[in-house]
Amino acid sequence: MNRKLEIKRKRRQWRAWVERIHRELDYQNISRRTFEEVGKIVLANDKIQEPSHFHEWLGRNYGLASAAAVRRLTDNRSDSISLVRLLTQISQDPGVVSRRSFVSMYEKPMTDLAHQKFDQLTGNRNAVFLPKKSVDKDLKEVRIVSARLRKFVNKRLAHLDQRNSLQKLPTFNDLHSVMKTLERIGLKYRFLLMAIETHDDSLPLNWDAVFLEPWKERS
């Protein structure tokens, strides 16, 4: 295949992938913030803290869904779209992500700023292309930080493991730390591939209005 056509194809594919990944990360971020805000509502009202079955059920389902999302985002199967697969493909051909292509996504008056941004993203003022070692470093970090949650999903969520090999279960703090790392790295590559630096992670307007109404009539 002609190299120019190959580069265009890969850029098109990676941009589509990074947007899919961004939507997943954005949803998980909003889900986390919703869960935290609901927790604040419960803690502020003694009347709704007991019985705790509903809160335990809510926390369990939030945790399992978020852990499964980590597994999806770090899946390396050939038929999946994930952050790990995106970084793996970029590592195999980092020349597709060039300074020239990045700068071309900016208006001419912002050319100097574009070069500064590429310098920051690559960590190299002289980089013509995204350095492979930079991608490999990010890929390694994603794999390391997600390893424990991936093991949890494989052993406890995807199926019941007879060996019960998990000595310590991951906590919500563990989960949130992993998600923040995935989000940071995901946003970096969205920026590199699409020159989109900002994103809206605010909760929907009046999201908590449902709590202002009684959920059940007294009989």
N, C-alpha and C. Protein backbone atom coordinates (compact mmCIF):
# COMPACT_ATOMS: atom_id res chain seq x y z
N MET A 1 0.84 -1.19 0.00
CA MET A 1 0.00 0.00 0.00
C MET A 1 0.88 1.25 0.00
N ASN A 2 0.47 2.24 -0.76
CA ASN A 2 1.17 3.52 -0.78
C ASN A 2 1.27 4.07 0.64
N ARG A 3 2.46 4.54 1.04
CA ARG A 3 2.70 4.98 2.41
C ARG A 3 1.77 6.14 2.81
N LYS A 4 1.55 7.08 1.92
CA LYS A 4 0.67 8.21 2.24
C LYS A 4 -0.76 7.74 2.50
N LEU A 5 -1.21 6.80 1.70
CA LEU A 5 -2.56 6.27 1.89
C LEU A 5 -2.65 5.48 3.19
N GLU A 6 -1.57 4.76 3.51
CA GLU A 6 -1.54 3.98 4.74
C GLU A 6 -1.61 4.91 5.95
N ILE A 7 -0.88 6.01 5.91
CA ILE A 7 -0.88 6.97 7.01
C ILE A 7 -2.27 7.57 7.19
N LYS A 8 -2.90 7.95 6.08
CA LYS A 8 -4.25 8.51 6.15
C LYS A 8 -5.24 7.51 6.74
N ARG A 9 -5.11 6.25 6.33
CA ARG A 9 -6.01 5.22 6.83
C ARG A 9 -5.84 5.03 8.33
N LYS A 10 -4.59 4.98 8.78
CA LYS A 10 -4.32 4.78 10.19
C LYS A 10 -4.79 5.97 11.02
N ARG A 11 -4.54 7.16 10.53
CA ARG A 11 -5.00 8.35 11.26
C ARG A 11 -6.51 8.35 11.39
N ARG A 12 -7.18 8.01 10.31
CA ARG A 12 -8.65 7.97 10.33
C ARG A 12 -9.14 6.92 11.33
N GLN A 13 -8.52 5.76 11.31
CA GLN A 13 -8.91 4.69 12.23
C GLN A 13 -8.62 5.07 13.67
N TRP A 14 -7.44 5.60 13.95
CA TRP A 14 -7.06 5.94 15.31
C TRP A 14 -7.91 7.07 15.87
N ARG A 15 -8.29 8.02 15.01
CA ARG A 15 -9.15 9.11 15.47
C ARG A 15 -10.54 8.59 15.83
N ALA A 16 -11.03 7.65 15.04
CA ALA A 16 -12.32 7.04 15.35
C ALA A 16 -12.23 6.26 16.66
N TRP A 17 -11.14 5.53 16.83
CA TRP A 17 -10.95 4.76 18.06
C TRP A 17 -10.84 5.67 19.27
N VAL A 18 -10.04 6.72 19.17
CA VAL A 18 -9.81 7.58 20.33
C VAL A 18 -11.09 8.28 20.76
N GLU A 19 -12.00 8.53 19.81
CA GLU A 19 -13.28 9.13 20.18
C GLU A 19 -14.16 8.12 20.90
N ARG A 20 -14.13 6.86 20.45
CA ARG A 20 -14.88 5.80 21.14
C ARG A 20 -14.35 5.63 22.56
N ILE A 21 -13.04 5.63 22.69
CA ILE A 21 -12.40 5.48 23.99
C ILE A 21 -12.74 6.67 24.89
N HIS A 22 -12.72 7.86 24.30
CA HIS A 22 -13.03 9.07 25.07
C HIS A 22 -14.46 9.03 25.59
N ARG A 23 -15.40 8.57 24.77
CA ARG A 23 -16.80 8.49 25.22
C ARG A 23 -16.93 7.53 26.41
N GLU A 24 -16.20 6.42 26.34
CA GLU A 24 -16.24 5.45 27.44
C GLU A 24 -15.64 6.07 28.71
N LEU A 25 -14.51 6.72 28.59
CA LEU A 25 -13.86 7.34 29.74
C LEU A 25 -14.71 8.47 30.30
N ASP A 26 -15.34 9.24 29.42
CA ASP A 26 -16.18 10.34 29.85
C ASP A 26 -17.38 9.81 30.64
N TYR A 27 -17.98 8.74 30.13
CA TYR A 27 -19.12 8.15 30.83
C TYR A 27 -18.70 7.63 32.20
N GLN A 28 -17.54 6.98 32.27
CA GLN A 28 -17.08 6.45 33.54
C GLN A 28 -16.76 7.56 34.53
N ASN A 29 -16.24 8.67 34.03
CA ASN A 29 -15.95 9.81 34.89
C ASN A 29 -17.24 10.39 35.47
N ILE A 30 -18.24 10.54 34.63
CA ILE A 30 -19.53 11.06 35.09
C ILE A 30 -20.18 10.07 36.06
N SER A 31 -20.02 8.78 35.77
CA SER A 31 -20.56 7.76 36.66
C SER A 31 -19.91 7.85 38.04
N ARG A 32 -18.60 8.01 38.07
CA ARG A 32 -17.89 8.15 39.34
C ARG A 32 -18.37 9.37 40.11
N ARG A 33 -18.49 10.49 39.42
CA ARG A 33 -18.91 11.72 40.10
C ARG A 33 -20.34 11.60 40.62
N THR A 34 -21.19 10.95 39.85
CA THR A 34 -22.57 10.73 40.31
C THR A 34 -22.58 9.88 41.57
N PHE A 35 -21.80 8.80 41.56
CA PHE A 35 -21.72 7.91 42.72
C PHE A 35 -21.24 8.67 43.95
N GLU A 36 -20.22 9.50 43.76
CA GLU A 36 -19.68 10.27 44.89
C GLU A 36 -20.70 11.28 45.42
N GLU A 37 -21.43 11.93 44.51
CA GLU A 37 -22.42 12.91 44.94
C GLU A 37 -23.60 12.25 45.66
N VAL A 38 -24.00 11.09 45.18
CA VAL A 38 -25.07 10.35 45.87
C VAL A 38 -24.59 9.97 47.27
N GLY A 39 -23.33 9.58 47.39
CA GLY A 39 -22.77 9.25 48.70
C GLY A 39 -22.84 10.43 49.66
N LYS A 40 -22.58 11.63 49.14
CA LYS A 40 -22.65 12.83 49.98
C LYS A 40 -24.09 13.07 50.45
N ILE A 41 -25.05 12.83 49.56
CA ILE A 41 -26.47 13.01 49.92
C ILE A 41 -26.85 12.06 51.05
N VAL A 42 -26.40 10.81 50.94
CA VAL A 42 -26.72 9.81 51.95
C VAL A 42 -26.06 10.16 53.29
N LEU A 43 -24.80 10.56 53.25
CA LEU A 43 -24.08 10.88 54.48
C LEU A 43 -24.67 12.10 55.19
N ALA A 44 -25.28 12.98 54.42
CA ALA A 44 -25.84 14.21 55.01
C ALA A 44 -27.22 14.01 55.61
N ASN A 45 -27.80 12.82 55.44
CA ASN A 45 -29.17 12.59 55.91
C ASN A 45 -29.25 11.27 56.67
N ASP A 46 -29.30 11.37 57.99
CA ASP A 46 -29.35 10.16 58.83
C ASP A 46 -30.57 9.29 58.54
N LYS A 47 -31.64 9.90 58.08
CA LYS A 47 -32.89 9.18 57.89
C LYS A 47 -32.83 8.16 56.75
N ILE A 48 -31.90 8.33 55.84
CA ILE A 48 -31.85 7.42 54.69
C ILE A 48 -30.63 6.50 54.70
N GLN A 49 -29.94 6.47 55.83
CA GLN A 49 -28.73 5.63 55.90
C GLN A 49 -29.03 4.19 56.27
N GLU A 50 -30.17 3.96 56.89
CA GLU A 50 -30.57 2.60 57.27
C GLU A 50 -32.01 2.35 56.81
N PRO A 51 -32.32 1.15 56.35
CA PRO A 51 -31.40 0.01 56.17
C PRO A 51 -30.43 0.26 55.01
N SER A 52 -29.29 -0.40 55.04
CA SER A 52 -28.20 -0.09 54.10
C SER A 52 -28.18 -0.99 52.86
N HIS A 53 -29.14 -1.91 52.75
CA HIS A 53 -29.12 -2.85 51.62
C HIS A 53 -29.06 -2.13 50.28
N PHE A 54 -29.89 -1.09 50.11
CA PHE A 54 -29.92 -0.38 48.82
C PHE A 54 -28.57 0.26 48.52
N HIS A 55 -27.95 0.87 49.53
CA HIS A 55 -26.66 1.53 49.32
C HIS A 55 -25.57 0.51 48.99
N GLU A 56 -25.61 -0.63 49.65
CA GLU A 56 -24.64 -1.68 49.36
C GLU A 56 -24.83 -2.21 47.94
N TRP A 57 -26.09 -2.37 47.55
CA TRP A 57 -26.40 -2.84 46.19
C TRP A 57 -25.91 -1.82 45.16
N LEU A 58 -26.15 -0.54 45.42
CA LEU A 58 -25.72 0.52 44.51
C LEU A 58 -24.20 0.54 44.39
N GLY A 59 -23.52 0.47 45.51
CA GLY A 59 -22.05 0.49 45.49
C GLY A 59 -21.47 -0.72 44.78
N ARG A 60 -22.07 -1.88 45.02
CA ARG A 60 -21.56 -3.11 44.38
C ARG A 60 -21.72 -3.03 42.86
N ASN A 61 -22.89 -2.61 42.42
CA ASN A 61 -23.11 -2.55 40.98
C ASN A 61 -22.27 -1.47 40.29
N TYR A 62 -22.09 -0.34 40.96
CA TYR A 62 -21.20 0.69 40.43
C TYR A 62 -19.78 0.16 40.31
N GLY A 63 -19.30 -0.49 41.37
CA GLY A 63 -17.94 -1.00 41.36
C GLY A 63 -17.70 -2.04 40.29
N LEU A 64 -18.64 -2.99 40.16
CA LEU A 64 -18.48 -4.06 39.17
C LEU A 64 -18.54 -3.50 37.75
N ALA A 65 -19.47 -2.57 37.50
CA ALA A 65 -19.58 -1.97 36.17
C ALA A 65 -18.32 -1.20 35.81
N SER A 66 -17.77 -0.48 36.77
CA SER A 66 -16.57 0.32 36.52
C SER A 66 -15.35 -0.58 36.32
N ALA A 67 -15.26 -1.66 37.10
CA ALA A 67 -14.16 -2.60 36.94
C ALA A 67 -14.21 -3.26 35.56
N ALA A 68 -15.42 -3.59 35.11
CA ALA A 68 -15.58 -4.17 33.77
C ALA A 68 -15.16 -3.17 32.70
N ALA A 69 -15.41 -1.88 32.94
CA ALA A 69 -15.00 -0.84 31.99
C ALA A 69 -13.48 -0.77 31.89
N VAL A 70 -12.79 -0.94 33.02
CA VAL A 70 -11.32 -0.97 33.00
C VAL A 70 -10.84 -2.12 32.13
N ARG A 71 -11.49 -3.26 32.28
CA ARG A 71 -11.09 -4.41 31.46
C ARG A 71 -11.31 -4.13 29.97
N ARG A 72 -12.46 -3.51 29.62
CA ARG A 72 -12.72 -3.17 28.21
C ARG A 72 -11.66 -2.21 27.68
N LEU A 73 -11.32 -1.22 28.48
CA LEU A 73 -10.37 -0.19 28.04
C LEU A 73 -8.95 -0.71 27.91
N THR A 74 -8.67 -1.84 28.55
CA THR A 74 -7.31 -2.39 28.52
C THR A 74 -7.25 -3.74 27.81
N ASP A 75 -8.32 -4.09 27.13
CA ASP A 75 -8.38 -5.36 26.40
C ASP A 75 -7.43 -5.30 25.20
N ASN A 76 -6.77 -6.41 24.93
CA ASN A 76 -5.83 -6.43 23.81
C ASN A 76 -6.23 -7.43 22.73
N ARG A 77 -7.49 -7.87 22.76
CA ARG A 77 -7.94 -8.80 21.72
C ARG A 77 -8.01 -8.09 20.38
N SER A 78 -7.81 -8.82 19.31
CA SER A 78 -7.75 -8.23 17.97
C SER A 78 -9.08 -7.65 17.51
N ASP A 79 -10.18 -8.07 18.14
CA ASP A 79 -11.49 -7.58 17.71
C ASP A 79 -12.02 -6.46 18.62
N SER A 80 -11.17 -5.94 19.51
CA SER A 80 -11.62 -4.92 20.46
C SER A 80 -11.06 -3.54 20.11
N ILE A 81 -11.77 -2.52 20.56
CA ILE A 81 -11.29 -1.15 20.49
C ILE A 81 -11.01 -0.73 21.92
N SER A 82 -9.75 -0.51 22.23
CA SER A 82 -9.37 -0.19 23.60
C SER A 82 -8.18 0.74 23.61
N LEU A 83 -7.91 1.31 24.77
CA LEU A 83 -6.75 2.19 24.92
C LEU A 83 -5.46 1.41 24.71
N VAL A 84 -5.42 0.19 25.21
CA VAL A 84 -4.22 -0.64 25.05
C VAL A 84 -3.98 -0.95 23.56
N ARG A 85 -5.00 -1.30 22.82
CA ARG A 85 -4.82 -1.59 21.39
C ARG A 85 -4.43 -0.34 20.62
N LEU A 86 -5.01 0.79 20.99
CA LEU A 86 -4.64 2.04 20.32
C LEU A 86 -3.16 2.35 20.54
N LEU A 87 -2.71 2.28 21.78
CA LEU A 87 -1.31 2.57 22.08
C LEU A 87 -0.38 1.54 21.44
N THR A 88 -0.81 0.29 21.40
CA THR A 88 0.01 -0.76 20.77
C THR A 88 0.20 -0.46 19.29
N GLN A 89 -0.87 -0.09 18.62
CA GLN A 89 -0.76 0.21 17.19
C GLN A 89 0.08 1.46 16.93
N ILE A 90 -0.10 2.48 17.77
CA ILE A 90 0.71 3.70 17.61
C ILE A 90 2.19 3.39 17.85
N SER A 91 2.46 2.54 18.84
CA SER A 91 3.85 2.16 19.12
C SER A 91 4.50 1.45 17.93
N GLN A 92 3.69 0.70 17.20
CA GLN A 92 4.21 -0.02 16.04
C GLN A 92 4.48 0.88 14.85
N ASP A 93 3.84 2.06 14.83
CA ASP A 93 4.05 3.00 13.73
C ASP A 93 3.88 4.45 14.23
N PRO A 94 4.75 4.90 15.13
CA PRO A 94 4.60 6.23 15.73
C PRO A 94 4.78 7.37 14.73
N GLY A 95 5.39 7.09 13.59
CA GLY A 95 5.59 8.11 12.58
C GLY A 95 4.30 8.67 12.01
N VAL A 96 3.20 7.96 12.21
CA VAL A 96 1.91 8.46 11.73
C VAL A 96 1.51 9.72 12.50
N VAL A 97 1.95 9.80 13.76
CA VAL A 97 1.65 10.96 14.60
C VAL A 97 2.83 11.92 14.49
N SER A 98 2.76 12.82 13.54
CA SER A 98 3.88 13.72 13.26
C SER A 98 3.60 15.14 13.75
N ARG A 99 4.67 15.87 13.94
CA ARG A 99 4.54 17.28 14.30
C ARG A 99 3.78 18.03 13.20
N ARG A 100 4.09 17.70 11.96
CA ARG A 100 3.45 18.39 10.84
C ARG A 100 1.94 18.17 10.84
N SER A 101 1.53 16.93 11.06
CA SER A 101 0.09 16.64 11.05
C SER A 101 -0.60 17.31 12.23
N PHE A 102 0.08 17.35 13.37
CA PHE A 102 -0.50 17.99 14.57
C PHE A 102 -0.66 19.49 14.35
N VAL A 103 0.38 20.13 13.88
CA VAL A 103 0.35 21.58 13.67
C VAL A 103 -0.68 21.96 12.61
N SER A 104 -0.87 21.09 11.62
CA SER A 104 -1.81 21.40 10.53
C SER A 104 -3.26 21.48 11.01
N MET A 105 -3.54 20.96 12.21
CA MET A 105 -4.90 21.02 12.73
C MET A 105 -5.21 22.36 13.41
N TYR A 106 -4.22 23.24 13.49
CA TYR A 106 -4.39 24.56 14.07
C TYR A 106 -4.49 25.62 12.97
N GLU A 107 -5.15 26.72 13.28
CA GLU A 107 -5.17 27.86 12.37
C GLU A 107 -3.77 28.46 12.32
N LYS A 108 -3.41 29.09 11.18
CA LYS A 108 -2.06 29.63 11.00
C LYS A 108 -1.60 30.57 12.11
N PRO A 109 -2.48 31.47 12.61
CA PRO A 109 -2.02 32.36 13.69
C PRO A 109 -1.63 31.62 14.97
N MET A 110 -2.01 30.34 15.08
CA MET A 110 -1.73 29.57 16.29
C MET A 110 -0.62 28.54 16.08
N THR A 111 0.14 28.71 15.01
CA THR A 111 1.19 27.75 14.67
C THR A 111 2.23 27.61 15.78
N ASP A 112 2.67 28.74 16.33
CA ASP A 112 3.68 28.69 17.40
C ASP A 112 3.14 27.95 18.61
N LEU A 113 1.89 28.20 18.95
CA LEU A 113 1.27 27.51 20.07
C LEU A 113 1.19 26.01 19.80
N ALA A 114 0.86 25.65 18.57
CA ALA A 114 0.76 24.24 18.20
C ALA A 114 2.11 23.53 18.40
N HIS A 115 3.19 24.19 17.99
CA HIS A 115 4.52 23.60 18.18
C HIS A 115 4.83 23.43 19.67
N GLN A 116 4.44 24.41 20.48
CA GLN A 116 4.66 24.32 21.93
C GLN A 116 3.89 23.15 22.53
N LYS A 117 2.66 22.98 22.07
CA LYS A 117 1.84 21.88 22.58
C LYS A 117 2.44 20.54 22.19
N PHE A 118 2.93 20.42 20.97
CA PHE A 118 3.54 19.15 20.54
C PHE A 118 4.79 18.88 21.35
N ASP A 119 5.57 19.93 21.63
CA ASP A 119 6.75 19.78 22.48
C ASP A 119 6.36 19.20 23.84
N GLN A 120 5.30 19.76 24.43
CA GLN A 120 4.85 19.31 25.75
C GLN A 120 4.35 17.87 25.72
N LEU A 121 3.59 17.54 24.68
CA LEU A 121 3.00 16.20 24.60
C LEU A 121 4.04 15.12 24.36
N THR A 122 5.09 15.45 23.61
CA THR A 122 6.13 14.47 23.29
C THR A 122 7.30 14.51 24.26
N GLY A 123 7.42 15.62 25.00
CA GLY A 123 8.55 15.77 25.91
C GLY A 123 9.86 15.99 25.18
N ASN A 124 9.77 16.45 23.93
CA ASN A 124 10.98 16.61 23.11
C ASN A 124 10.78 17.78 22.13
N ARG A 125 11.53 18.85 22.32
CA ARG A 125 11.38 20.03 21.47
C ARG A 125 11.82 19.78 20.03
N ASN A 126 12.62 18.75 19.84
CA ASN A 126 13.15 18.46 18.50
C ASN A 126 12.43 17.31 17.81
N ALA A 127 11.39 16.80 18.44
CA ALA A 127 10.71 15.63 17.88
C ALA A 127 9.97 15.98 16.59
N VAL A 128 10.23 15.23 15.54
CA VAL A 128 9.51 15.38 14.28
C VAL A 128 8.27 14.47 14.31
N PHE A 129 8.42 13.34 14.98
CA PHE A 129 7.33 12.39 15.16
C PHE A 129 7.18 12.08 16.64
N LEU A 130 6.07 11.50 17.00
CA LEU A 130 5.85 11.06 18.37
C LEU A 130 6.88 9.97 18.69
N PRO A 131 7.72 10.16 19.70
CA PRO A 131 8.74 9.15 20.02
C PRO A 131 8.13 7.83 20.47
N LYS A 132 8.65 6.75 19.94
CA LYS A 132 8.15 5.43 20.30
C LYS A 132 8.30 5.17 21.79
N LYS A 133 9.40 5.63 22.38
CA LYS A 133 9.63 5.38 23.81
C LYS A 133 8.58 6.07 24.67
N SER A 134 8.05 7.19 24.18
CA SER A 134 6.99 7.89 24.91
C SER A 134 5.70 7.07 24.91
N VAL A 135 5.38 6.48 23.76
CA VAL A 135 4.18 5.64 23.66
C VAL A 135 4.35 4.38 24.51
N ASP A 136 5.52 3.77 24.41
CA ASP A 136 5.77 2.55 25.18
C ASP A 136 5.69 2.80 26.68
N LYS A 137 6.13 3.97 27.11
CA LYS A 137 6.04 4.33 28.53
C LYS A 137 4.58 4.43 28.97
N ASP A 138 3.76 5.07 28.15
CA ASP A 138 2.34 5.20 28.47
C ASP A 138 1.65 3.84 28.47
N LEU A 139 1.99 3.01 27.50
CA LEU A 139 1.40 1.68 27.40
C LEU A 139 1.77 0.83 28.62
N LYS A 140 3.01 0.93 29.03
CA LYS A 140 3.46 0.18 30.21
C LYS A 140 2.72 0.65 31.46
N GLU A 141 2.53 1.96 31.59
CA GLU A 141 1.82 2.50 32.76
C GLU A 141 0.37 2.00 32.79
N VAL A 142 -0.29 2.01 31.64
CA VAL A 142 -1.67 1.55 31.57
C VAL A 142 -1.76 0.09 32.01
N ARG A 143 -0.85 -0.73 31.51
CA ARG A 143 -0.88 -2.15 31.86
C ARG A 143 -0.60 -2.40 33.33
N ILE A 144 0.35 -1.65 33.88
CA ILE A 144 0.72 -1.86 35.28
C ILE A 144 -0.41 -1.43 36.21
N VAL A 145 -0.96 -0.23 36.00
CA VAL A 145 -1.97 0.28 36.93
C VAL A 145 -3.28 -0.50 36.86
N SER A 146 -3.55 -1.11 35.71
CA SER A 146 -4.83 -1.82 35.54
C SER A 146 -4.74 -3.31 35.85
N ALA A 147 -3.54 -3.81 36.09
CA ALA A 147 -3.34 -5.26 36.23
C ALA A 147 -4.20 -5.86 37.34
N ARG A 148 -4.24 -5.21 38.48
CA ARG A 148 -4.98 -5.77 39.61
C ARG A 148 -6.48 -5.82 39.34
N LEU A 149 -7.01 -4.77 38.74
CA LEU A 149 -8.44 -4.75 38.43
C LEU A 149 -8.79 -5.75 37.34
N ARG A 150 -7.90 -5.89 36.37
CA ARG A 150 -8.14 -6.88 35.32
C ARG A 150 -8.19 -8.28 35.92
N LYS A 151 -7.30 -8.54 36.86
CA LYS A 151 -7.28 -9.86 37.51
C LYS A 151 -8.57 -10.06 38.29
N PHE A 152 -9.04 -9.01 38.97
CA PHE A 152 -10.28 -9.10 39.73
C PHE A 152 -11.45 -9.45 38.82
N VAL A 153 -11.54 -8.75 37.68
CA VAL A 153 -12.64 -9.01 36.74
C VAL A 153 -12.56 -10.44 36.21
N ASN A 154 -11.37 -10.88 35.86
CA ASN A 154 -11.21 -12.22 35.31
C ASN A 154 -11.53 -13.31 36.32
N LYS A 155 -11.17 -13.07 37.59
CA LYS A 155 -11.33 -14.10 38.61
C LYS A 155 -12.70 -14.07 39.28
N ARG A 156 -13.29 -12.87 39.41
CA ARG A 156 -14.51 -12.75 40.20
C ARG A 156 -15.74 -12.31 39.41
N LEU A 157 -15.53 -11.63 38.29
CA LEU A 157 -16.67 -11.07 37.56
C LEU A 157 -16.98 -11.86 36.30
N ALA A 158 -15.96 -12.10 35.47
CA ALA A 158 -16.19 -12.83 34.22
C ALA A 158 -16.59 -14.28 34.50
N HIS A 159 -16.00 -14.87 35.55
CA HIS A 159 -16.38 -16.21 35.97
C HIS A 159 -15.91 -16.42 37.41
N LEU A 160 -16.40 -17.43 38.07
CA LEU A 160 -16.00 -17.74 39.44
C LEU A 160 -14.79 -18.67 39.41
N ASP A 161 -13.69 -18.17 39.96
CA ASP A 161 -12.45 -18.94 39.97
C ASP A 161 -12.41 -19.86 41.20
N GLN A 162 -12.24 -21.15 40.99
CA GLN A 162 -12.23 -22.10 42.09
C GLN A 162 -11.03 -21.91 43.03
N ARG A 163 -9.95 -21.35 42.50
CA ARG A 163 -8.74 -21.23 43.33
C ARG A 163 -8.82 -20.06 44.31
N ASN A 164 -9.75 -19.11 44.08
CA ASN A 164 -9.89 -17.96 44.98
C ASN A 164 -8.53 -17.30 45.24
N SER A 165 -7.82 -16.99 44.15
CA SER A 165 -6.44 -16.55 44.25
C SER A 165 -6.26 -15.09 44.63
N LEU A 166 -7.34 -14.32 44.75
CA LEU A 166 -7.22 -12.92 45.13
C LEU A 166 -7.16 -12.79 46.65
N GLN A 167 -6.03 -12.32 47.15
CA GLN A 167 -5.86 -12.18 48.59
C GLN A 167 -6.51 -10.90 49.12
N LYS A 168 -6.51 -9.86 48.28
CA LYS A 168 -7.05 -8.57 48.70
C LYS A 168 -7.85 -7.97 47.55
N LEU A 169 -9.10 -7.63 47.83
CA LEU A 169 -9.95 -7.07 46.78
C LEU A 169 -9.64 -5.60 46.57
N PRO A 170 -9.76 -5.12 45.32
CA PRO A 170 -9.53 -3.69 45.07
C PRO A 170 -10.60 -2.83 45.72
N THR A 171 -10.22 -1.63 46.09
CA THR A 171 -11.14 -0.69 46.74
C THR A 171 -11.65 0.33 45.73
N PHE A 172 -12.62 1.16 46.16
CA PHE A 172 -13.09 2.24 45.30
C PHE A 172 -11.94 3.20 44.99
N ASN A 173 -11.08 3.45 45.96
CA ASN A 173 -9.92 4.33 45.72
C ASN A 173 -9.01 3.75 44.66
N ASP A 174 -8.80 2.43 44.70
CA ASP A 174 -7.99 1.76 43.67
C ASP A 174 -8.63 1.97 42.29
N LEU A 175 -9.93 1.75 42.23
CA LEU A 175 -10.67 1.89 40.98
C LEU A 175 -10.57 3.30 40.44
N HIS A 176 -10.80 4.29 41.30
CA HIS A 176 -10.77 5.68 40.85
C HIS A 176 -9.37 6.11 40.42
N SER A 177 -8.35 5.60 41.08
CA SER A 177 -6.98 5.93 40.71
C SER A 177 -6.65 5.39 39.32
N VAL A 178 -7.08 4.15 39.05
CA VAL A 178 -6.86 3.56 37.72
C VAL A 178 -7.58 4.36 36.65
N MET A 179 -8.84 4.71 36.92
CA MET A 179 -9.62 5.45 35.93
C MET A 179 -9.01 6.82 35.62
N LYS A 180 -8.49 7.48 36.64
CA LYS A 180 -7.87 8.79 36.43
C LYS A 180 -6.62 8.67 35.56
N THR A 181 -5.87 7.58 35.74
CA THR A 181 -4.69 7.35 34.90
C THR A 181 -5.10 7.08 33.46
N LEU A 182 -6.10 6.24 33.27
CA LEU A 182 -6.58 5.94 31.92
C LEU A 182 -7.13 7.19 31.25
N GLU A 183 -7.83 8.01 32.02
CA GLU A 183 -8.38 9.24 31.46
C GLU A 183 -7.26 10.20 31.04
N ARG A 184 -6.26 10.36 31.90
CA ARG A 184 -5.14 11.26 31.59
C ARG A 184 -4.44 10.84 30.30
N ILE A 185 -4.16 9.56 30.18
CA ILE A 185 -3.45 9.07 28.99
C ILE A 185 -4.37 9.10 27.77
N GLY A 186 -5.64 8.77 27.97
CA GLY A 186 -6.59 8.83 26.85
C GLY A 186 -6.73 10.24 26.30
N LEU A 187 -6.80 11.23 27.19
CA LEU A 187 -6.91 12.62 26.75
C LEU A 187 -5.65 13.08 26.02
N LYS A 188 -4.51 12.58 26.45
CA LYS A 188 -3.25 12.94 25.78
C LYS A 188 -3.28 12.51 24.32
N TYR A 189 -3.73 11.30 24.06
CA TYR A 189 -3.72 10.80 22.67
C TYR A 189 -4.88 11.36 21.86
N ARG A 190 -5.95 11.73 22.51
CA ARG A 190 -7.01 12.46 21.80
C ARG A 190 -6.48 13.81 21.35
N PHE A 191 -5.70 14.44 22.20
CA PHE A 191 -5.08 15.73 21.88
C PHE A 191 -4.10 15.57 20.72
N LEU A 192 -3.27 14.54 20.78
CA LEU A 192 -2.28 14.32 19.73
C LEU A 192 -2.92 14.02 18.37
N LEU A 193 -3.99 13.25 18.39
CA LEU A 193 -4.61 12.80 17.15
C LEU A 193 -5.63 13.78 16.58
N MET A 194 -6.24 14.59 17.47
CA MET A 194 -7.34 15.44 17.02
C MET A 194 -7.19 16.91 17.42
N ALA A 195 -6.13 17.22 18.17
CA ALA A 195 -5.89 18.60 18.64
C ALA A 195 -7.07 19.12 19.45
N ILE A 196 -7.72 18.22 20.20
CA ILE A 196 -8.82 18.61 21.09
C ILE A 196 -8.29 18.51 22.51
N GLU A 197 -8.16 19.66 23.16
CA GLU A 197 -7.54 19.70 24.48
C GLU A 197 -8.56 19.67 25.60
N THR A 198 -9.73 20.22 25.37
CA THR A 198 -10.71 20.33 26.44
C THR A 198 -11.81 19.28 26.27
N HIS A 199 -12.50 19.02 27.37
CA HIS A 199 -13.65 18.14 27.33
C HIS A 199 -14.60 18.52 28.47
N ASP A 200 -15.85 18.25 28.28
CA ASP A 200 -16.87 18.61 29.26
C ASP A 200 -17.22 17.39 30.09
N ASP A 201 -16.85 17.42 31.37
CA ASP A 201 -17.14 16.28 32.24
C ASP A 201 -18.13 16.67 33.35
N SER A 202 -18.89 17.72 33.09
CA SER A 202 -19.85 18.17 34.10
C SER A 202 -21.06 17.24 34.14
N LEU A 203 -21.67 17.16 35.32
CA LEU A 203 -22.87 16.35 35.47
C LEU A 203 -24.04 17.03 34.77
N PRO A 204 -25.01 16.26 34.28
CA PRO A 204 -26.19 16.86 33.62
C PRO A 204 -26.90 17.83 34.55
N LEU A 205 -27.45 18.88 33.98
CA LEU A 205 -28.17 19.88 34.75
C LEU A 205 -29.32 19.24 35.53
N ASN A 206 -29.44 19.60 36.80
CA ASN A 206 -30.51 19.10 37.67
C ASN A 206 -30.52 17.57 37.77
N TRP A 207 -29.35 16.97 37.67
CA TRP A 207 -29.26 15.50 37.73
C TRP A 207 -29.84 14.95 39.03
N ASP A 208 -29.77 15.76 40.11
CA ASP A 208 -30.20 15.28 41.42
C ASP A 208 -31.65 15.64 41.75
N ALA A 209 -32.39 16.16 40.78
CA ALA A 209 -33.78 16.55 41.05
C ALA A 209 -34.63 15.36 41.48
N VAL A 210 -34.25 14.16 41.06
CA VAL A 210 -35.01 12.96 41.41
C VAL A 210 -35.05 12.74 42.92
N PHE A 211 -34.03 13.26 43.63
CA PHE A 211 -33.98 13.06 45.07
C PHE A 211 -34.87 14.04 45.83
N LEU A 212 -35.44 14.98 45.14
CA LEU A 212 -36.31 15.96 45.79
C LEU A 212 -37.75 15.46 45.92
N GLU A 213 -38.02 14.31 45.30
CA GLU A 213 -39.37 13.74 45.34
C GLU A 213 -39.36 12.44 46.13
N PRO A 214 -40.42 12.16 46.87
CA PRO A 214 -40.51 10.85 47.56
C PRO A 214 -40.49 9.72 46.53
N TRP A 215 -39.76 8.66 46.80
CA TRP A 215 -39.67 7.55 45.87
C TRP A 215 -40.81 6.54 46.08
N LYS A 216 -41.40 6.58 47.24
CA LYS A 216 -42.44 5.60 47.53
C LYS A 216 -43.47 6.24 48.47
N GLU A 217 -44.73 6.07 48.11
CA GLU A 217 -45.81 6.60 48.95
C GLU A 217 -45.98 5.72 50.18
N ARG A 218 -46.25 6.35 51.31
CA ARG A 218 -46.51 5.58 52.53
C ARG A 218 -47.87 4.89 52.42
N SER A 219 -47.93 3.64 52.76
CA SER A 219 -49.19 2.89 52.66
C SER A 219 -49.99 2.99 53.96
